[in-house]
């Protein structure tokens, strides 16, 4: 009889308390880790500006090469 009395609270704990506990734990963990920090965001913006600038430079160089050496794409195309 004493074993049954100990078993009932354990079952109730496992059915009701444990799942809620686990859900709340991972929800709070995701909220802490969710998103990027302001420093990371500003660094990402800076890198995007640099990438845009580099893309403009590449396009400019390609247009110069197209004008000066029209067949350069065929020579360096590796497909």
PDB file of N, CA and C in Angstrom:
ATOM      1  N   UNK A   1       0.819  -1.191   0.000  1.00  0.00           N
ATOM      2  CA  UNK A   1       0.000   0.000   0.000  1.00  0.00           C
ATOM      3  C   UNK A   1       0.864   1.255   0.000  1.00  0.00           C
ATOM      4  N   UNK A   2       1.963   1.260   0.758  1.00  0.00           N
ATOM      5  CA  UNK A   2       2.841   2.426   0.798  1.00  0.00           C
ATOM      6  C   UNK A   2       3.500   2.678  -0.552  1.00  0.00           C
ATOM      7  N   UNK A   3       3.817   1.610  -1.268  1.00  0.00           N
ATOM      8  CA  UNK A   3       4.416   1.755  -2.597  1.00  0.00           C
ATOM      9  C   UNK A   3       3.419   2.396  -3.565  1.00  0.00           C
ATOM     10  N   UNK A   4       2.155   2.017  -3.438  1.00  0.00           N
ATOM     11  CA  UNK A   4       1.131   2.619  -4.289  1.00  0.00           C
ATOM     12  C   UNK A   4       0.980   4.113  -3.991  1.00  0.00           C
ATOM     13  N   UNK A   5       1.067   4.491  -2.735  1.00  0.00           N
ATOM     14  CA  UNK A   5       0.940   5.899  -2.370  1.00  0.00           C
ATOM     15  C   UNK A   5       2.118   6.727  -2.889  1.00  0.00           C
ATOM     16  N   UNK A   6       3.280   6.115  -2.994  1.00  0.00           N
ATOM     17  CA  UNK A   6       4.449   6.809  -3.530  1.00  0.00           C
ATOM     18  C   UNK A   6       4.391   6.855  -5.057  1.00  0.00           C
ATOM     19  N   UNK A   7       3.766   5.869  -5.641  1.00  0.00           N
ATOM     20  CA  UNK A   7       3.710   5.764  -7.090  1.00  0.00           C
ATOM     21  C   UNK A   7       2.751   6.791  -7.699  1.00  0.00           C
ATOM     22  N   UNK A   8       1.679   7.113  -7.033  1.00  0.00           N
ATOM     23  CA  UNK A   8       0.671   8.053  -7.544  1.00  0.00           C
ATOM     24  C   UNK A   8       1.242   9.464  -7.703  1.00  0.00           C
ATOM     25  N   UNK A   9       1.930  10.029  -6.718  1.00  0.00           N
ATOM     26  CA  UNK A   9       2.508  11.366  -6.936  1.00  0.00           C
ATOM     27  C   UNK A   9       3.556  11.383  -8.060  1.00  0.00           C
ATOM     28  N   UNK A  10       4.302  10.279  -8.166  1.00  0.00           N
ATOM     29  CA  UNK A  10       5.297  10.189  -9.228  1.00  0.00           C
ATOM     30  C   UNK A  10       4.616  10.217 -10.607  1.00  0.00           C
ATOM     31  N   UNK A  11       3.555   9.469 -10.765  1.00  0.00           N
ATOM     32  CA  UNK A  11       2.808   9.443 -12.030  1.00  0.00           C
ATOM     33  C   UNK A  11       2.219  10.815 -12.319  1.00  0.00           C
ATOM     34  N   UNK A  12       1.626  11.449 -11.318  1.00  0.00           N
ATOM     35  CA  UNK A  12       1.060  12.789 -11.509  1.00  0.00           C
ATOM     36  C   UNK A  12       2.141  13.795 -11.909  1.00  0.00           C
ATOM     37  N   UNK A  13       3.293  13.681 -11.276  1.00  0.00           N
ATOM     38  CA  UNK A  13       4.416  14.544 -11.622  1.00  0.00           C
ATOM     39  C   UNK A  13       4.826  14.338 -13.079  1.00  0.00           C
ATOM     40  N   UNK A  14       4.963  13.099 -13.495  1.00  0.00           N
ATOM     41  CA  UNK A  14       5.407  12.772 -14.850  1.00  0.00           C
ATOM     42  C   UNK A  14       4.365  13.173 -15.906  1.00  0.00           C
ATOM     43  N   UNK A  15       3.109  13.137 -15.560  1.00  0.00           N
ATOM     44  CA  UNK A  15       2.054  13.471 -16.528  1.00  0.00           C
ATOM     45  C   UNK A  15       1.849  14.977 -16.648  1.00  0.00           C
ATOM     46  N   UNK A  16       1.855  15.690 -15.523  1.00  0.00           N
ATOM     47  CA  UNK A  16       1.504  17.103 -15.557  1.00  0.00           C
ATOM     48  C   UNK A  16       2.691  18.052 -15.392  1.00  0.00           C
ATOM     49  N   UNK A  17       3.503  17.829 -14.416  1.00  0.00           N
ATOM     50  CA  UNK A  17       4.557  18.790 -14.082  1.00  0.00           C
ATOM     51  C   UNK A  17       5.747  18.689 -15.035  1.00  0.00           C
ATOM     52  N   UNK A  18       6.242  17.501 -15.279  1.00  0.00           N
ATOM     53  CA  UNK A  18       7.447  17.323 -16.094  1.00  0.00           C
ATOM     54  C   UNK A  18       7.299  17.878 -17.510  1.00  0.00           C
ATOM     55  N   UNK A  19       6.209  17.575 -18.232  1.00  0.00           N
ATOM     56  CA  UNK A  19       6.104  18.150 -19.588  1.00  0.00           C
ATOM     57  C   UNK A  19       6.056  19.684 -19.598  1.00  0.00           C
ATOM     58  N   UNK A  20       5.332  20.266 -18.648  1.00  0.00           N
ATOM     59  CA  UNK A  20       5.265  21.725 -18.570  1.00  0.00           C
ATOM     60  C   UNK A  20       6.634  22.295 -18.243  1.00  0.00           C
ATOM     61  N   UNK A  21       7.344  21.640 -17.350  1.00  0.00           N
ATOM     62  CA  UNK A  21       8.682  22.054 -16.955  1.00  0.00           C
ATOM     63  C   UNK A  21       9.618  22.047 -18.169  1.00  0.00           C
ATOM     64  N   UNK A  22       9.597  20.976 -18.934  1.00  0.00           N
ATOM     65  CA  UNK A  22      10.463  20.851 -20.103  1.00  0.00           C
ATOM     66  C   UNK A  22      10.096  21.903 -21.151  1.00  0.00           C
ATOM     67  N   UNK A  23       8.815  22.083 -21.406  1.00  0.00           N
ATOM     68  CA  UNK A  23       8.376  23.082 -22.393  1.00  0.00           C
ATOM     69  C   UNK A  23       8.813  24.476 -21.979  1.00  0.00           C
ATOM     70  N   UNK A  24       8.605  24.831 -20.739  1.00  0.00           N
ATOM     71  CA  UNK A  24       8.992  26.158 -20.262  1.00  0.00           C
ATOM     72  C   UNK A  24      10.505  26.345 -20.303  1.00  0.00           C
ATOM     73  N   UNK A  25      11.256  25.308 -20.008  1.00  0.00           N
ATOM     74  CA  UNK A  25      12.718  25.388 -20.042  1.00  0.00           C
ATOM     75  C   UNK A  25      13.202  25.721 -21.451  1.00  0.00           C
ATOM     76  N   UNK A  26      12.738  24.982 -22.445  1.00  0.00           N
ATOM     77  CA  UNK A  26      13.196  25.209 -23.808  1.00  0.00           C
ATOM     78  C   UNK A  26      12.635  26.497 -24.404  1.00  0.00           C
ATOM     79  N   UNK A  27      11.463  26.907 -23.980  1.00  0.00           N
ATOM     80  CA  UNK A  27      10.913  28.175 -24.447  1.00  0.00           C
ATOM     81  C   UNK A  27      11.771  29.332 -23.946  1.00  0.00           C
ATOM     82  N   UNK A  28      12.157  29.300 -22.683  1.00  0.00           N
ATOM     83  CA  UNK A  28      12.999  30.378 -22.156  1.00  0.00           C
ATOM     84  C   UNK A  28      14.398  30.324 -22.760  1.00  0.00           C
ATOM     85  N   UNK A  29      14.888  29.136 -23.031  1.00  0.00           N
ATOM     86  CA  UNK A  29      16.206  28.989 -23.650  1.00  0.00           C
ATOM     87  C   UNK A  29      16.189  29.576 -25.061  1.00  0.00           C
ATOM     88  N   UNK A  30      15.131  29.325 -25.821  1.00  0.00           N
ATOM     89  CA  UNK A  30      15.019  29.867 -27.176  1.00  0.00           C
ATOM     90  C   UNK A  30      14.874  31.380 -27.169  1.00  0.00           C
ATOM     91  N   UNK A  31      14.187  31.931 -26.183  1.00  0.00           N
ATOM     92  CA  UNK A  31      14.029  33.376 -26.103  1.00  0.00           C
ATOM     93  C   UNK A  31      15.359  34.051 -25.804  1.00  0.00           C
ATOM     94  N   UNK A  32      16.190  33.422 -25.000  1.00  0.00           N
ATOM     95  CA  UNK A  32      17.506  33.984 -24.694  1.00  0.00           C
ATOM     96  C   UNK A  32      18.406  33.965 -25.912  1.00  0.00           C
ATOM     97  N   UNK A  33      18.353  32.881 -26.685  1.00  0.00           N
ATOM     98  CA  UNK A  33      19.245  32.713 -27.818  1.00  0.00           C
ATOM     99  C   UNK A  33      18.648  33.213 -29.122  1.00  0.00           C
ATOM    100  N   UNK A  34      17.386  33.549 -29.125  1.00  0.00           N
ATOM    101  CA  UNK A  34      16.719  33.948 -30.355  1.00  0.00           C
ATOM    102  C   UNK A  34      17.224  35.272 -30.886  1.00  0.00           C
ATOM    103  N   UNK A  35      17.423  35.331 -32.199  1.00  0.00           N
ATOM    104  CA  UNK A  35      17.845  36.573 -32.835  1.00  0.00           C
ATOM    105  C   UNK A  35      19.330  36.840 -32.669  1.00  0.00           C
ATOM    106  N   UNK A  36      19.769  37.883 -33.333  1.00  0.00           N
ATOM    107  CA  UNK A  36      21.174  38.257 -33.236  1.00  0.00           C
ATOM    108  C   UNK A  36      21.287  39.525 -32.406  1.00  0.00           C
ATOM    109  N   UNK A  37      22.453  39.732 -31.862  1.00  0.00           N
ATOM    110  CA  UNK A  37      22.665  40.909 -31.025  1.00  0.00           C
ATOM    111  C   UNK A  37      22.783  42.153 -31.893  1.00  0.00           C
ATOM    112  N   UNK A  38      22.724  43.308 -31.271  1.00  0.00           N
ATOM    113  CA  UNK A  38      22.842  44.572 -31.997  1.00  0.00           C
ATOM    114  C   UNK A  38      24.214  44.696 -32.638  1.00  0.00           C
ATOM    115  N   UNK A  39      25.247  44.235 -31.952  1.00  0.00           N
ATOM    116  CA  UNK A  39      26.601  44.293 -32.516  1.00  0.00           C
ATOM    117  C   UNK A  39      26.696  43.410 -33.758  1.00  0.00           C
ATOM    118  N   UNK A  40      26.116  42.218 -33.674  1.00  0.00           N
ATOM    119  CA  UNK A  40      26.121  41.323 -34.835  1.00  0.00           C
ATOM    120  C   UNK A  40      25.317  41.918 -35.983  1.00  0.00           C
ATOM    121  N   UNK A  41      24.204  42.552 -35.665  1.00  0.00           N
ATOM    122  CA  UNK A  41      23.368  43.164 -36.692  1.00  0.00           C
ATOM    123  C   UNK A  41      24.109  44.297 -37.391  1.00  0.00           C
ATOM    124  N   UNK A  42      24.782  45.143 -36.633  1.00  0.00           N
ATOM    125  CA  UNK A  42      25.512  46.256 -37.244  1.00  0.00           C
ATOM    126  C   UNK A  42      26.687  45.737 -38.071  1.00  0.00           C
ATOM    127  N   UNK A  43      27.351  44.688 -37.590  1.00  0.00           N
ATOM    128  CA  UNK A  43      28.451  44.092 -38.359  1.00  0.00           C
ATOM    129  C   UNK A  43      27.924  43.477 -39.654  1.00  0.00           C
ATOM    130  N   UNK A  44      26.771  42.846 -39.598  1.00  0.00           N
ATOM    131  CA  UNK A  44      26.164  42.264 -40.788  1.00  0.00           C
ATOM    132  C   UNK A  44      25.799  43.353 -41.795  1.00  0.00           C
ATOM    133  N   UNK A  45      25.271  44.468 -41.323  1.00  0.00           N
ATOM    134  CA  UNK A  45      24.968  45.587 -42.208  1.00  0.00           C
ATOM    135  C   UNK A  45      26.234  46.115 -42.877  1.00  0.00           C
ATOM    136  N   UNK A  46      27.305  46.219 -42.100  1.00  0.00           N
ATOM    137  CA  UNK A  46      28.584  46.687 -42.635  1.00  0.00           C
ATOM    138  C   UNK A  46      29.106  45.731 -43.714  1.00  0.00           C
ATOM    139  N   UNK A  47      29.009  44.439 -43.447  1.00  0.00           N
ATOM    140  CA  UNK A  47      29.458  43.446 -44.425  1.00  0.00           C
ATOM    141  C   UNK A  47      28.606  43.473 -45.691  1.00  0.00           C
ATOM    142  N   UNK A  48      27.327  43.737 -45.551  1.00  0.00           N
ATOM    143  CA  UNK A  48      26.454  43.841 -46.722  1.00  0.00           C
ATOM    144  C   UNK A  48      26.850  45.041 -47.587  1.00  0.00           C
ATOM    145  N   UNK A  49      27.202  46.167 -46.952  1.00  0.00           N
ATOM    146  CA  UNK A  49      27.653  47.334 -47.699  1.00  0.00           C
ATOM    147  C   UNK A  49      28.946  47.034 -48.448  1.00  0.00           C
ATOM    148  N   UNK A  50      29.869  46.339 -47.790  1.00  0.00           N
ATOM    149  CA  UNK A  50      31.130  45.965 -48.430  1.00  0.00           C
ATOM    150  C   UNK A  50      30.879  45.033 -49.608  1.00  0.00           C
ATOM    151  N   UNK A  51      29.981  44.073 -49.424  1.00  0.00           N
ATOM    152  CA  UNK A  51      29.661  43.133 -50.507  1.00  0.00           C
ATOM    153  C   UNK A  51      29.024  43.861 -51.685  1.00  0.00           C
ATOM    154  N   UNK A  52      28.141  44.811 -51.422  1.00  0.00           N
ATOM    155  CA  UNK A  52      27.527  45.591 -52.499  1.00  0.00           C
ATOM    156  C   UNK A  52      28.585  46.390 -53.259  1.00  0.00           C
ATOM    157  N   UNK A  53      29.501  46.993 -52.519  1.00  0.00           N
ATOM    158  CA  UNK A  53      30.578  47.757 -53.139  1.00  0.00           C
ATOM    159  C   UNK A  53      31.454  46.856 -54.006  1.00  0.00           C
ATOM    160  N   UNK A  54      31.781  45.674 -53.500  1.00  0.00           N
ATOM    161  CA  UNK A  54      32.595  44.740 -54.276  1.00  0.00           C
ATOM    162  C   UNK A  54      31.858  44.276 -55.530  1.00  0.00           C
ATOM    163  N   UNK A  55      30.557  44.073 -55.430  1.00  0.00           N
ATOM    164  CA  UNK A  55      29.775  43.651 -56.585  1.00  0.00           C
ATOM    165  C   UNK A  55      29.779  44.732 -57.663  1.00  0.00           C
ATOM    166  N   UNK A  56      29.663  45.999 -57.245  1.00  0.00           N
ATOM    167  CA  UNK A  56      29.728  47.103 -58.202  1.00  0.00           C
ATOM    168  C   UNK A  56      31.088  47.142 -58.890  1.00  0.00           C
ATOM    169  N   UNK A  57      32.152  46.907 -58.120  1.00  0.00           N
ATOM    170  CA  UNK A  57      33.497  46.902 -58.699  1.00  0.00           C
ATOM    171  C   UNK A  57      33.655  45.774 -59.714  1.00  0.00           C
ATOM    172  N   UNK A  58      33.161  44.597 -59.385  1.00  0.00           N
ATOM    173  CA  UNK A  58      33.253  43.468 -60.302  1.00  0.00           C
ATOM    174  C   UNK A  58      32.482  43.760 -61.591  1.00  0.00           C
ATOM    175  N   UNK A  59      31.286  44.331 -61.445  1.00  0.00           N
ATOM    176  CA  UNK A  59      30.501  44.671 -62.630  1.00  0.00           C
ATOM    177  C   UNK A  59      31.219  45.712 -63.489  1.00  0.00           C
ATOM    178  N   UNK A  60      31.856  46.679 -62.846  1.00  0.00           N
ATOM    179  CA  UNK A  60      32.609  47.688 -63.585  1.00  0.00           C
ATOM    180  C   UNK A  60      33.780  47.052 -64.323  1.00  0.00           C
ATOM    181  N   UNK A  61      34.521  46.199 -63.630  1.00  0.00           N
ATOM    182  CA  UNK A  61      35.648  45.514 -64.273  1.00  0.00           C
ATOM    183  C   UNK A  61      35.187  44.637 -65.429  1.00  0.00           C
ATOM    184  N   UNK A  62      34.074  43.952 -65.270  1.00  0.00           N
ATOM    185  CA  UNK A  62      33.553  43.121 -66.356  1.00  0.00           C
ATOM    186  C   UNK A  62      33.153  43.968 -67.556  1.00  0.00           C
ATOM    187  N   UNK A  63      32.544  45.118 -67.300  1.00  0.00           N
ATOM    188  CA  UNK A  63      32.160  45.967 -68.436  1.00  0.00           C
ATOM    189  C   UNK A  63      33.395  46.512 -69.152  1.00  0.00           C
ATOM    190  N   UNK A  64      34.446  46.846 -68.407  1.00  0.00           N
ATOM    191  CA  UNK A  64      35.693  47.295 -69.028  1.00  0.00           C
ATOM    192  C   UNK A  64      36.287  46.165 -69.864  1.00  0.00           C
ATOM    193  N   UNK A  65      36.329  44.975 -69.311  1.00  0.00           N
ATOM    194  CA  UNK A  65      36.867  43.832 -70.052  1.00  0.00           C
ATOM    195  C   UNK A  65      36.013  43.519 -71.276  1.00  0.00           C
ATOM    196  N   UNK A  66      34.694  43.630 -71.154  1.00  0.00           N
ATOM    197  CA  UNK A  66      33.818  43.400 -72.310  1.00  0.00           C
ATOM    198  C   UNK A  66      34.136  44.378 -73.431  1.00  0.00           C
ATOM    199  N   UNK A  67      34.448  45.623 -73.058  1.00  0.00           N
ATOM    200  CA  UNK A  67      34.741  46.648 -74.062  1.00  0.00           C
ATOM    201  C   UNK A  67      36.128  46.445 -74.679  1.00  0.00           C
ATOM    202  N   UNK A  68      37.126  46.160 -73.833  1.00  0.00           N
ATOM    203  CA  UNK A  68      38.510  46.061 -74.318  1.00  0.00           C
ATOM    204  C   UNK A  68      38.839  44.697 -74.904  1.00  0.00           C
ATOM    205  N   UNK A  69      38.291  43.633 -74.338  1.00  0.00           N
ATOM    206  CA  UNK A  69      38.574  42.267 -74.792  1.00  0.00           C
ATOM    207  C   UNK A  69      37.257  41.513 -74.876  1.00  0.00           C
ATOM    208  N   UNK A  70      36.554  41.614 -76.013  1.00  0.00           N
ATOM    209  CA  UNK A  70      35.206  41.038 -76.108  1.00  0.00           C
ATOM    210  C   UNK A  70      35.133  39.521 -75.868  1.00  0.00           C
ATOM    211  N   UNK A  71      36.156  38.753 -76.145  1.00  0.00           N
ATOM    212  CA  UNK A  71      36.072  37.299 -75.996  1.00  0.00           C
ATOM    213  C   UNK A  71      36.606  36.764 -74.685  1.00  0.00           C
ATOM    214  N   UNK A  72      36.815  37.615 -73.715  1.00  0.00           N
ATOM    215  CA  UNK A  72      37.434  37.154 -72.469  1.00  0.00           C
ATOM    216  C   UNK A  72      36.557  36.173 -71.703  1.00  0.00           C
ATOM    217  N   UNK A  73      35.251  36.305 -71.810  1.00  0.00           N
ATOM    218  CA  UNK A  73      34.359  35.399 -71.075  1.00  0.00           C
ATOM    219  C   UNK A  73      34.469  33.970 -71.597  1.00  0.00           C
ATOM    220  N   UNK A  74      34.600  33.807 -72.906  1.00  0.00           N
ATOM    221  CA  UNK A  74      34.740  32.470 -73.481  1.00  0.00           C
ATOM    222  C   UNK A  74      36.052  31.833 -73.065  1.00  0.00           C
ATOM    223  N   UNK A  75      37.083  32.639 -72.980  1.00  0.00           N
ATOM    224  CA  UNK A  75      38.404  32.131 -72.610  1.00  0.00           C
ATOM    225  C   UNK A  75      38.439  31.625 -71.168  1.00  0.00           C
ATOM    226  N   UNK A  76      37.751  32.334 -70.258  1.00  0.00           N
ATOM    227  CA  UNK A  76      37.803  31.990 -68.841  1.00  0.00           C
ATOM    228  C   UNK A  76      36.563  31.270 -68.325  1.00  0.00           C
ATOM    229  N   UNK A  77      35.642  30.966 -69.227  1.00  0.00           N
ATOM    230  CA  UNK A  77      34.437  30.226 -68.825  1.00  0.00           C
ATOM    231  C   UNK A  77      34.804  28.764 -68.599  1.00  0.00           C
ATOM    232  N   UNK A  78      34.539  28.238 -67.431  1.00  0.00           N
ATOM    233  CA  UNK A  78      34.953  26.868 -67.091  1.00  0.00           C
ATOM    234  C   UNK A  78      33.808  25.880 -67.136  1.00  0.00           C
ATOM    235  N   UNK A  79      32.673  26.259 -67.720  1.00  0.00           N
ATOM    236  CA  UNK A  79      31.520  25.344 -67.786  1.00  0.00           C
ATOM    237  C   UNK A  79      31.675  24.360 -68.887  1.00  0.00           C
TER     238      UNK A  79
END
